[in-house]
C-alpha atoms as a PDB file:
ATOM      1  CA  MET A   1      39.200 110.078  30.139  1.00  0.00           C
ATOM      2  CA  ALA A   2      39.594 110.241  33.972  1.00  0.00           C
ATOM      3  CA  LYS A   3      41.218 113.530  35.235  1.00  0.00           C
ATOM      4  CA  ASN A   4      44.643 113.030  36.092  1.00  0.00           C
ATOM      5  CA  LYS A   5      45.923 115.894  37.549  1.00  0.00           C
ATOM      6  CA  ILE A   6      49.236 116.010  39.852  1.00  0.00           C
ATOM      7  CA  ILE A   7      48.625 119.264  41.662  1.00  0.00           C
ATOM      8  CA  GLY A   8      45.988 121.636  41.846  1.00  0.00           C
ATOM      9  CA  ASN A   9      44.582 123.990  39.102  1.00  0.00           C
ATOM     10  CA  PRO A  10      47.045 126.692  38.149  1.00  0.00           C
ATOM     11  CA  THR A  11      44.571 129.245  39.226  1.00  0.00           C
ATOM     12  CA  ASP A  12      45.002 128.085  42.770  1.00  0.00           C
ATOM     13  CA  ILE A  13      48.746 129.415  42.775  1.00  0.00           C
ATOM     14  CA  SER A  14      50.348 132.833  43.098  1.00  0.00           C
ATOM     15  CA  MET A  15      50.996 134.809  40.090  1.00  0.00           C
ATOM     16  CA  TYR A  16      54.301 136.198  41.500  1.00  0.00           C
ATOM     17  CA  SER A  17      55.485 133.798  44.704  1.00  0.00           C
ATOM     18  CA  ASN A  18      57.694 131.035  44.191  1.00  0.00           C
ATOM     19  CA  GLN A  19      57.749 130.979  40.485  1.00  0.00           C
ATOM     20  CA  PHE A  20      60.178 128.327  39.886  1.00  0.00           C
ATOM     21  CA  SER A  21      58.865 126.025  37.373  1.00  0.00           C
ATOM     22  CA  PHE A  22      56.839 126.435  34.046  1.00  0.00           C
ATOM     23  CA  MET A  23      53.291 127.324  34.861  1.00  0.00           C
ATOM     24  CA  SER A  24      53.866 126.317  38.467  1.00  0.00           C
ATOM     25  CA  ARG A  25      54.065 123.042  37.723  1.00  0.00           C
ATOM     26  CA  PRO A  26      55.862 120.292  40.234  1.00  0.00           C
ATOM     27  CA  LEU A  27      59.617 120.724  39.789  1.00  0.00           C
ATOM     28  CA  THR A  28      61.003 117.074  40.010  1.00  0.00           C
ATOM     29  CA  ARG A  29      63.296 114.684  38.063  1.00  0.00           C
ATOM     30  CA  LYS A  30      61.136 111.610  39.338  1.00  0.00           C
ATOM     31  CA  LEU A  31      59.582 110.473  36.049  1.00  0.00           C
ATOM     32  CA  LYS A  32      56.487 108.565  37.554  1.00  0.00           C
ATOM     33  CA  GLU A  33      54.390 106.667  35.519  1.00  0.00           C
ATOM     34  CA  ASN A  34      51.588 108.954  35.426  1.00  0.00           C
ATOM     35  CA  VAL A  35      53.747 111.943  34.021  1.00  0.00           C
ATOM     36  CA  ASP A  36      52.958 112.594  30.473  1.00  0.00           C
ATOM     37  CA  ALA A  37      55.155 115.398  29.590  1.00  0.00           C
ATOM     38  CA  VAL A  38      58.418 117.170  30.895  1.00  0.00           C
ATOM     39  CA  ILE A  39      59.822 120.810  30.609  1.00  0.00           C
ATOM     40  CA  LEU A  40      63.570 120.895  30.291  1.00  0.00           C
ATOM     41  CA  GLY A  41      65.532 124.109  30.466  1.00  0.00           C
ATOM     42  CA  VAL A  42      68.482 124.147  28.317  1.00  0.00           C
ATOM     43  CA  PRO A  43      70.380 127.589  29.274  1.00  0.00           C
ATOM     44  CA  PHE A  44      73.024 127.090  26.639  1.00  0.00           C
ATOM     45  CA  ASP A  45      74.339 130.142  24.503  1.00  0.00           C
ATOM     46  CA  LEU A  46      77.720 128.695  23.306  1.00  0.00           C
ATOM     47  CA  ALA A  47      76.948 128.654  19.795  1.00  0.00           C
ATOM     48  CA  THR A  48      75.603 132.213  19.260  1.00  0.00           C
ATOM     49  CA  THR A  49      77.030 134.087  16.583  1.00  0.00           C
ATOM     50  CA  GLY A  50      75.450 137.428  17.451  1.00  0.00           C
ATOM     51  CA  ARG A  51      73.962 138.937  20.738  1.00  0.00           C
ATOM     52  CA  PRO A  52      74.549 136.234  23.596  1.00  0.00           C
ATOM     53  CA  GLY A  53      72.082 135.646  26.594  1.00  0.00           C
ATOM     54  CA  THR A  54      69.829 133.183  25.820  1.00  0.00           C
ATOM     55  CA  ARG A  55      71.282 131.173  28.573  1.00  0.00           C
ATOM     56  CA  PHE A  56      68.748 133.018  30.645  1.00  0.00           C
ATOM     57  CA  GLY A  57      65.875 132.037  28.435  1.00  0.00           C
ATOM     58  CA  PRO A  58      64.615 129.301  30.138  1.00  0.00           C
ATOM     59  CA  SER A  59      64.072 130.964  33.613  1.00  0.00           C
ATOM     60  CA  GLY A  60      62.898 134.426  31.415  1.00  0.00           C
ATOM     61  CA  VAL A  61      60.154 132.071  29.924  1.00  0.00           C
ATOM     62  CA  ARG A  62      59.295 130.350  33.217  1.00  0.00           C
ATOM     63  CA  ASN A  63      58.650 133.597  35.031  1.00  0.00           C
ATOM     64  CA  ALA A  64      56.380 134.810  32.068  1.00  0.00           C
ATOM     65  CA  SER A  65      54.497 131.879  32.524  1.00  0.00           C
ATOM     66  CA  SER A  66      52.938 132.852  35.541  1.00  0.00           C
ATOM     67  CA  ASN A  67      50.791 135.550  33.790  1.00  0.00           C
ATOM     68  CA  LEU A  68      48.954 132.561  32.060  1.00  0.00           C
ATOM     69  CA  GLY A  69      47.876 130.896  35.362  1.00  0.00           C
ATOM     70  CA  TRP A  70      44.801 132.573  36.086  1.00  0.00           C
ATOM     71  CA  GLU A  71      42.831 131.333  33.159  1.00  0.00           C
ATOM     72  CA  GLU A  72      41.162 127.946  34.122  1.00  0.00           C
ATOM     73  CA  ASN A  73      39.765 127.096  30.820  1.00  0.00           C
ATOM     74  CA  ARG A  74      42.151 128.609  27.951  1.00  0.00           C
ATOM     75  CA  TRP A  75      40.545 130.639  25.271  1.00  0.00           C
ATOM     76  CA  PRO A  76      39.774 129.216  22.418  1.00  0.00           C
ATOM     77  CA  TRP A  77      39.928 125.415  23.734  1.00  0.00           C
ATOM     78  CA  ASN A  78      37.422 125.747  26.292  1.00  0.00           C
ATOM     79  CA  PHE A  79      39.142 123.138  28.840  1.00  0.00           C
ATOM     80  CA  ASN A  80      41.856 123.311  31.443  1.00  0.00           C
ATOM     81  CA  VAL A  81      44.667 121.302  29.881  1.00  0.00           C
ATOM     82  CA  PHE A  82      45.952 120.111  33.201  1.00  0.00           C
ATOM     83  CA  ASP A  83      42.993 118.280  33.944  1.00  0.00           C
ATOM     84  CA  HIS A  84      44.134 115.963  30.909  1.00  0.00           C
ATOM     85  CA  LEU A  85      47.987 116.104  30.954  1.00  0.00           C
ATOM     86  CA  ASN A  86      50.250 115.621  33.735  1.00  0.00           C
ATOM     87  CA  LEU A  87      53.389 117.987  33.245  1.00  0.00           C
ATOM     88  CA  VAL A  88      56.335 118.226  35.436  1.00  0.00           C
ATOM     89  CA  ASP A  89      59.372 120.684  35.105  1.00  0.00           C
ATOM     90  CA  TYR A  90      62.590 118.665  35.300  1.00  0.00           C
ATOM     91  CA  GLY A  91      64.863 122.122  35.660  1.00  0.00           C
ATOM     92  CA  ASP A  92      67.604 123.024  33.837  1.00  0.00           C
ATOM     93  CA  VAL A  93      70.474 120.857  32.008  1.00  0.00           C
ATOM     94  CA  ASP A  94      73.624 121.703  34.056  1.00  0.00           C
ATOM     95  CA  TYR A  95      76.998 121.585  32.207  1.00  0.00           C
ATOM     96  CA  ILE A  96      80.642 123.161  32.825  1.00  0.00           C
ATOM     97  CA  PRO A  97      80.681 126.740  31.471  1.00  0.00           C
ATOM     98  CA  GLY A  98      82.998 127.339  28.648  1.00  0.00           C
ATOM     99  CA  LYS A  99      82.882 123.578  27.406  1.00  0.00           C
ATOM    100  CA  PRO A 100      80.212 123.556  24.597  1.00  0.00           C
ATOM    101  CA  GLU A 101      81.268 119.905  24.006  1.00  0.00           C
ATOM    102  CA  ASP A 102      79.978 119.105  28.020  1.00  0.00           C
ATOM    103  CA  GLY A 103      77.005 120.895  27.369  1.00  0.00           C
ATOM    104  CA  LEU A 104      76.101 118.989  24.246  1.00  0.00           C
ATOM    105  CA  ALA A 105      76.447 115.694  25.834  1.00  0.00           C
ATOM    106  CA  GLU A 106      74.475 116.758  28.893  1.00  0.00           C
ATOM    107  CA  ILE A 107      71.575 117.889  26.802  1.00  0.00           C
ATOM    108  CA  GLN A 108      71.559 114.658  25.020  1.00  0.00           C
ATOM    109  CA  ASN A 109      72.185 112.663  28.319  1.00  0.00           C
ATOM    110  CA  HIS A 110      69.131 114.217  30.009  1.00  0.00           C
ATOM    111  CA  ALA A 111      66.859 114.274  26.909  1.00  0.00           C
ATOM    112  CA  THR A 112      67.388 110.656  26.045  1.00  0.00           C
ATOM    113  CA  GLN A 113      66.677 109.767  29.868  1.00  0.00           C
ATOM    114  CA  ILE A 114      63.409 111.688  29.516  1.00  0.00           C
ATOM    115  CA  ILE A 115      62.280 109.896  26.076  1.00  0.00           C
ATOM    116  CA  ASN A 116      63.310 106.623  27.148  1.00  0.00           C
ATOM    117  CA  ALA A 117      60.727 106.877  30.171  1.00  0.00           C
ATOM    118  CA  GLY A 118      57.947 107.379  27.447  1.00  0.00           C
ATOM    119  CA  LYS A 119      57.477 111.098  28.149  1.00  0.00           C
ATOM    120  CA  THR A 120      56.945 113.798  25.617  1.00  0.00           C
ATOM    121  CA  LEU A 121      59.845 116.281  25.899  1.00  0.00           C
ATOM    122  CA  VAL A 122      59.148 120.136  25.777  1.00  0.00           C
ATOM    123  CA  SER A 123      62.391 122.098  25.737  1.00  0.00           C
ATOM    124  CA  ILE A 124      63.168 125.445  26.562  1.00  0.00           C
ATOM    125  CA  GLY A 125      66.551 127.252  25.286  1.00  0.00           C
ATOM    126  CA  GLY A 126      68.946 128.274  24.676  1.00  0.00           C
ATOM    127  CA  ASP A 127      70.140 129.269  21.597  1.00  0.00           C
ATOM    128  CA  HIS A 128      69.027 127.144  18.676  1.00  0.00           C
ATOM    129  CA  PHE A 129      72.083 124.836  18.506  1.00  0.00           C
ATOM    130  CA  VAL A 130      70.181 122.967  21.375  1.00  0.00           C
ATOM    131  CA  THR A 131      67.679 121.415  18.661  1.00  0.00           C
ATOM    132  CA  LEU A 132      70.563 119.265  17.245  1.00  0.00           C
ATOM    133  CA  PRO A 133      71.463 117.220  20.320  1.00  0.00           C
ATOM    134  CA  LEU A 134      67.649 117.144  20.944  1.00  0.00           C
ATOM    135  CA  LEU A 135      67.157 115.669  17.513  1.00  0.00           C
ATOM    136  CA  ARG A 136      69.545 113.134  18.265  1.00  0.00           C
ATOM    137  CA  SER A 137      68.035 111.977  21.264  1.00  0.00           C
ATOM    138  CA  HIS A 138      64.378 111.819  19.738  1.00  0.00           C
ATOM    139  CA  TYR A 139      65.798 109.656  16.406  1.00  0.00           C
ATOM    140  CA  LYS A 140      67.157 107.069  18.708  1.00  0.00           C
ATOM    141  CA  LYS A 141      63.392 106.257  19.666  1.00  0.00           C
ATOM    142  CA  PHE A 142      61.280 107.318  16.745  1.00  0.00           C
ATOM    143  CA  GLY A 143      63.849 107.405  13.942  1.00  0.00           C
ATOM    144  CA  LYS A 144      63.994 109.822  10.947  1.00  0.00           C
ATOM    145  CA  MET A 145      61.687 112.619  11.595  1.00  0.00           C
ATOM    146  CA  ALA A 146      59.872 115.728   9.769  1.00  0.00           C
ATOM    147  CA  LEU A 147      61.001 119.055  11.033  1.00  0.00           C
ATOM    148  CA  VAL A 148      58.625 121.671  11.352  1.00  0.00           C
ATOM    149  CA  HIS A 149      60.665 124.529  11.600  1.00  0.00           C
ATOM    150  CA  PHE A 150      59.544 128.333  12.537  1.00  0.00           C
ATOM    151  CA  ASP A 151      62.295 130.760  12.187  1.00  0.00           C
ATOM    152  CA  ALA A 152      63.688 133.811  10.504  1.00  0.00           C
ATOM    153  CA  HIS A 153      66.713 132.010   9.223  1.00  0.00           C
ATOM    154  CA  THR A 154      67.166 128.665   7.685  1.00  0.00           C
ATOM    155  CA  ASP A 155      70.126 127.485  10.056  1.00  0.00           C
ATOM    156  CA  THR A 156      71.217 125.275   7.140  1.00  0.00           C
ATOM    157  CA  TYR A 157      74.429 127.215   6.487  1.00  0.00           C
ATOM    158  CA  PRO A 158      77.416 124.851   5.850  1.00  0.00           C
ATOM    159  CA  ASN A 159      80.002 125.007   8.595  1.00  0.00           C
ATOM    160  CA  ASP A 160      81.892 122.148   9.941  1.00  0.00           C
ATOM    161  CA  ASN A 161      82.264 123.828  13.389  1.00  0.00           C
ATOM    162  CA  LEU A 162      79.485 121.908  14.622  1.00  0.00           C
ATOM    163  CA  ILE A 163      78.695 123.867  17.880  1.00  0.00           C
ATOM    164  CA  ASP A 164      77.278 127.063  15.892  1.00  0.00           C
ATOM    165  CA  HIS A 165      73.537 127.993  16.049  1.00  0.00           C
ATOM    166  CA  GLY A 166      73.240 128.553  12.331  1.00  0.00           C
ATOM    167  CA  CYS A 167      74.168 125.147  10.851  1.00  0.00           C
ATOM    168  CA  MET A 168      71.983 122.640  12.864  1.00  0.00           C
ATOM    169  CA  PHE A 169      69.750 121.708   9.873  1.00  0.00           C
ATOM    170  CA  TYR A 170      72.753 121.452   7.708  1.00  0.00           C
ATOM    171  CA  HIS A 171      74.255 118.629  10.067  1.00  0.00           C
ATOM    172  CA  ALA A 172      70.897 117.017  11.060  1.00  0.00           C
ATOM    173  CA  PRO A 173      69.824 115.525   7.768  1.00  0.00           C
ATOM    174  CA  LYS A 174      73.516 114.470   6.718  1.00  0.00           C
ATOM    175  CA  GLU A 175      73.268 112.541   9.989  1.00  0.00           C
ATOM    176  CA  GLY A 176      70.069 110.933   9.253  1.00  0.00           C
ATOM    177  CA  LEU A 177      67.967 112.556  11.682  1.00  0.00           C
ATOM    178  CA  ILE A 178      65.395 114.432   9.636  1.00  0.00           C
ATOM    179  CA  ASP A 179      64.182 114.057   6.000  1.00  0.00           C
ATOM    180  CA  PRO A 180      64.376 117.693   4.363  1.00  0.00           C
ATOM    181  CA  SER A 181      61.966 116.066   1.622  1.00  0.00           C
ATOM    182  CA  HIS A 182      59.140 116.232   4.354  1.00  0.00           C
ATOM    183  CA  SER A 183      60.284 119.168   6.448  1.00  0.00           C
ATOM    184  CA  ILE A 184      59.261 122.760   6.080  1.00  0.00           C
ATOM    185  CA  GLN A 185      60.430 126.329   7.018  1.00  0.00           C
ATOM    186  CA  ILE A 186      57.872 129.003   8.299  1.00  0.00           C
ATOM    187  CA  GLY A 187      58.932 132.820   8.478  1.00  0.00           C
ATOM    188  CA  ILE A 188      62.372 132.738   6.803  1.00  0.00           C
ATOM    189  CA  ARG A 189      63.553 136.220   5.870  1.00  0.00           C
ATOM    190  CA  THR A 190      66.974 135.764   5.332  1.00  0.00           C
ATOM    191  CA  ASP A 191      69.207 134.771   2.175  1.00  0.00           C
ATOM    192  CA  TYR A 192      69.773 130.937   1.611  1.00  0.00           C
ATOM    193  CA  GLU A 193      70.851 128.772  -1.400  1.00  0.00           C
ATOM    194  CA  LYS A 194      67.805 128.149  -2.881  1.00  0.00           C
ATOM    195  CA  GLU A 195      68.970 126.114  -5.602  1.00  0.00           C
ATOM    196  CA  SER A 196      70.175 123.235  -3.282  1.00  0.00           C
ATOM    197  CA  HIS A 197      67.992 124.099  -0.355  1.00  0.00           C
ATOM    198  CA  GLU A 198      65.837 120.817   0.123  1.00  0.00           C
ATOM    199  CA  PHE A 199      63.459 122.146   2.683  1.00  0.00           C
ATOM    200  CA  GLN A 200      60.031 123.579   1.723  1.00  0.00           C
ATOM    201  CA  VAL A 201      60.003 127.230   2.888  1.00  0.00           C
ATOM    202  CA  ILE A 202      57.118 129.499   3.292  1.00  0.00           C
ATOM    203  CA  ASP A 203      59.106 132.857   3.867  1.00  0.00           C
ATOM    204  CA  GLY A 204      58.128 135.816   5.954  1.00  0.00           C
ATOM    205  CA  ALA A 205      56.251 137.817   3.198  1.00  0.00           C
ATOM    206  CA  ALA A 206      54.587 134.699   1.959  1.00  0.00           C
ATOM    207  CA  ALA A 207      53.474 133.751   5.719  1.00  0.00           C
ATOM    208  CA  ASN A 208      52.286 137.144   6.368  1.00  0.00           C
ATOM    209  CA  ASP A 209      50.218 136.908   3.002  1.00  0.00           C
ATOM    210  CA  LEU A 210      48.841 133.333   3.423  1.00  0.00           C
ATOM    211  CA  SER A 211      45.896 132.528   5.879  1.00  0.00           C
ATOM    212  CA  SER A 212      46.973 130.522   8.919  1.00  0.00           C
ATOM    213  CA  ALA A 213      44.597 127.621   7.438  1.00  0.00           C
ATOM    214  CA  SER A 214      46.536 127.555   4.394  1.00  0.00           C
ATOM    215  CA  ILE A 215      49.640 127.427   6.007  1.00  0.00           C
ATOM    216  CA  VAL A 216      48.702 124.509   8.487  1.00  0.00           C
ATOM    217  CA  GLU A 217      47.413 122.654   5.122  1.00  0.00           C
ATOM    218  CA  SER A 218      50.809 123.179   3.357  1.00  0.00           C
ATOM    219  CA  ILE A 219      52.612 121.881   6.722  1.00  0.00           C
ATOM    220  CA  GLN A 220      50.233 118.657   6.732  1.00  0.00           C
ATOM    221  CA  LYS A 221      50.851 118.013   3.293  1.00  0.00           C
ATOM    222  CA  ARG A 222      54.663 117.963   3.497  1.00  0.00           C
ATOM    223  CA  VAL A 223      55.296 116.081   6.578  1.00  0.00           C
ATOM    224  CA  GLY A 224      53.119 113.230   5.614  1.00  0.00           C
ATOM    225  CA  ASP A 225      52.803 110.286   7.780  1.00  0.00           C
ATOM    226  CA  LEU A 226      56.529 111.143   9.789  1.00  0.00           C
ATOM    227  CA  PRO A 227      56.665 111.593  13.161  1.00  0.00           C
ATOM    228  CA  VAL A 228      57.283 115.243  13.327  1.00  0.00           C
ATOM    229  CA  TYR A 229      59.495 117.526  15.604  1.00  0.00           C
ATOM    230  CA  LEU A 230      58.440 120.863  16.024  1.00  0.00           C
ATOM    231  CA  THR A 231      61.210 123.753  16.660  1.00  0.00           C
ATOM    232  CA  PHE A 232      60.067 127.537  17.054  1.00  0.00           C
ATOM    233  CA  ASP A 233      62.843 129.957  17.020  1.00  0.00           C
ATOM    234  CA  ILE A 234      61.518 133.149  18.779  1.00  0.00           C
ATOM    235  CA  ASP A 235      62.835 135.337  15.925  1.00  0.00           C
ATOM    236  CA  CYS A 236      60.331 133.991  13.769  1.00  0.00           C
ATOM    237  CA  LEU A 237      58.079 136.547  15.129  1.00  0.00           C
ATOM    238  CA  ASP A 238      58.657 140.081  14.219  1.00  0.00           C
ATOM    239  CA  PRO A 239      60.720 142.513  16.715  1.00  0.00           C
ATOM    240  CA  ALA A 240      57.442 144.048  17.465  1.00  0.00           C
ATOM    241  CA  PHE A 241      56.255 141.046  19.082  1.00  0.00           C
ATOM    242  CA  ALA A 242      59.457 139.404  20.260  1.00  0.00           C
ATOM    243  CA  PRO A 243      62.368 142.088  20.682  1.00  0.00           C
ATOM    244  CA  GLY A 244      64.215 139.927  23.080  1.00  0.00           C
ATOM    245  CA  THR A 245      66.108 137.862  20.825  1.00  0.00           C
ATOM    246  CA  GLY A 246      69.883 137.719  19.668  1.00  0.00           C
ATOM    247  CA  THR A 247      69.125 137.873  16.000  1.00  0.00           C
ATOM    248  CA  PRO A 248      65.867 140.136  15.196  1.00  0.00           C
ATOM    249  CA  VAL A 249      64.939 140.434  11.850  1.00  0.00           C
ATOM    250  CA  VAL A 250      61.862 142.607  10.851  1.00  0.00           C
ATOM    251  CA  GLY A 251      58.996 141.573   8.474  1.00  0.00           C
ATOM    252  CA  GLY A 252      58.063 138.648  10.853  1.00  0.00           C
ATOM    253  CA  LEU A 253      54.920 136.630  12.221  1.00  0.00           C
ATOM    254  CA  THR A 254      52.679 138.090  14.530  1.00  0.00           C
ATOM    255  CA  THR A 255      52.000 136.047  18.043  1.00  0.00           C
ATOM    256  CA  ASP A 256      48.297 135.786  16.785  1.00  0.00           C
ATOM    257  CA  LYS A 257      49.429 134.216  13.427  1.00  0.00           C
ATOM    258  CA  ALA A 258      52.049 131.863  15.061  1.00  0.00           C
ATOM    259  CA  LEU A 259      49.411 130.673  17.375  1.00  0.00           C
ATOM    260  CA  LYS A 260      46.711 130.198  14.897  1.00  0.00           C
ATOM    261  CA  ILE A 261      49.200 127.792  12.907  1.00  0.00           C
ATOM    262  CA  ILE A 262      50.351 125.973  16.057  1.00  0.00           C
ATOM    263  CA  ARG A 263      46.505 125.702  16.958  1.00  0.00           C
ATOM    264  CA  GLY A 264      45.645 124.064  13.651  1.00  0.00           C
ATOM    265  CA  LEU A 265      48.253 121.362  13.892  1.00  0.00           C
ATOM    266  CA  THR A 266      45.888 118.911  15.521  1.00  0.00           C
ATOM    267  CA  GLU A 267      46.508 115.958  12.828  1.00  0.00           C
ATOM    268  CA  LEU A 268      50.189 115.892  13.036  1.00  0.00           C
ATOM    269  CA  ASN A 269      51.796 113.343  15.353  1.00  0.00           C
ATOM    270  CA  ILE A 270      54.412 115.745  17.038  1.00  0.00           C
ATOM    271  CA  ILE A 271      56.824 113.653  19.265  1.00  0.00           C
ATOM    272  CA  GLY A 272      58.965 116.785  20.531  1.00  0.00           C
ATOM    273  CA  PHE A 273      59.017 120.332  20.816  1.00  0.00           C
ATOM    274  CA  ASP A 274      61.658 123.287  21.541  1.00  0.00           C
ATOM    275  CA  LEU A 275      61.158 127.038  22.215  1.00  0.00           C
ATOM    276  CA  VAL A 276      64.449 128.774  21.643  1.00  0.00           C
ATOM    277  CA  GLU A 277      66.352 132.139  21.373  1.00  0.00           C
ATOM    278  CA  VAL A 278      64.665 134.332  24.029  1.00  0.00           C
ATOM    279  CA  SER A 279      67.290 136.587  25.340  1.00  0.00           C
ATOM    280  CA  PRO A 280      65.306 138.447  28.668  1.00  0.00           C
ATOM    281  CA  GLN A 281      68.029 141.054  28.545  1.00  0.00           C
ATOM    282  CA  TYR A 282      67.009 142.616  25.281  1.00  0.00           C
ATOM    283  CA  ASP A 283      63.383 142.184  26.077  1.00  0.00           C
ATOM    284  CA  HIS A 284      60.786 145.098  27.280  1.00  0.00           C
ATOM    285  CA  ALA A 285      57.937 144.122  29.708  1.00  0.00           C
ATOM    286  CA  GLU A 286      58.651 140.430  29.235  1.00  0.00           C
ATOM    287  CA  ILE A 287      57.175 140.859  25.581  1.00  0.00           C
ATOM    288  CA  THR A 288      59.404 138.070  24.361  1.00  0.00           C
ATOM    289  CA  ALA A 289      59.029 135.918  27.481  1.00  0.00           C
ATOM    290  CA  LEU A 290      55.462 135.875  27.383  1.00  0.00           C
ATOM    291  CA  ALA A 291      55.217 135.028  23.709  1.00  0.00           C
ATOM    292  CA  GLY A 292      57.440 132.091  24.281  1.00  0.00           C
ATOM    293  CA  ALA A 293      55.425 130.787  27.341  1.00  0.00           C
ATOM    294  CA  THR A 294      52.260 131.122  25.193  1.00  0.00           C
ATOM    295  CA  ILE A 295      53.460 129.348  22.377  1.00  0.00           C
ATOM    296  CA  ILE A 296      54.768 126.564  24.788  1.00  0.00           C
ATOM    297  CA  LEU A 297      51.321 126.587  26.409  1.00  0.00           C
ATOM    298  CA  GLU A 298      49.547 126.321  22.887  1.00  0.00           C
ATOM    299  CA  TYR A 299      51.494 123.288  22.152  1.00  0.00           C
ATOM    300  CA  LEU A 300      50.629 121.481  25.496  1.00  0.00           C
ATOM    301  CA  TYR A 301      46.971 122.089  24.603  1.00  0.00           C
ATOM    302  CA  LEU A 302      47.580 120.131  21.391  1.00  0.00           C
ATOM    303  CA  LEU A 303      48.970 117.327  23.660  1.00  0.00           C
ATOM    304  CA  GLY A 304      46.144 117.966  26.141  1.00  0.00           C
ATOM    305  CA  ASN A 305      43.348 118.061  23.257  1.00  0.00           C
ATOM    306  CA  LYS A 306      44.648 114.522  21.963  1.00  0.00           C
ATOM    307  CA  ARG A 307      44.468 112.866  25.709  1.00  0.00           C
ATOM    308  CA  LYS A 308      41.157 114.511  26.237  1.00  0.00           C
ATOM    309  CA  THR A 309      39.655 112.638  23.003  1.00  0.00           C
ATOM    310  CA  ILE A 310      41.261 109.416  23.961  1.00  0.00           C
END
């Protein structure tokens, strides 16, 4: 496949000057034909039940991504993703502060526009509630999806108050957006109703004991042939690796294990991705924001690797 870069190699760009976009990609809302994937910031934290602050997650992750730009061929992929994947940064969803319903509508409007343009959407939250409107937008194009969900919490808690970051995956199956019988949750380490829970769960303790390869195998077996939506709540990681989040829970995954699992998902048809719940004000030395930026970049390498082999 011919090289398809929009701008120069990230190594040509300063790691600290004019860092307004993810990996210093072009900041634009022009969804040109040669654009493959789009970063969308969703600075929304009006659905939090604990510590607020994830509205600053998109800017924190973007700033931390500057630390990833010096490496031309990312280990262990041995190629530059931007030689094969045209990525732009769309900027942030804007909404009326204090009106979560307006945020909900704006997220869906922008996401639908990007998806309908034939681009792969990569979203940075924001609290985890943002996944629900994102799923709605993806459903319009892809139909019912399998969900691969990294988290410390199942987020399936019954709640008729829709705007709550703990009930998205209670509502999503009811709306027919995802098929829980083909969905899997990794890293869970808080209580849930096991008898009625339809999702497969690899809890935090099991995930830490299992090999990354066996977890990848379980994911592949569970999702089958359905299109996959991948959502990564940063609190899936142990607070030692991600202190900057609103609801930290000890006993989580390491960044190494999370990256190995994502790196292994080469056989899945992943049609959308979000990284959520980064709260920079609780972070230390950008540990959490850097983890989030690196997880996003690892997903981009999955996309780039597929395009590389076309």
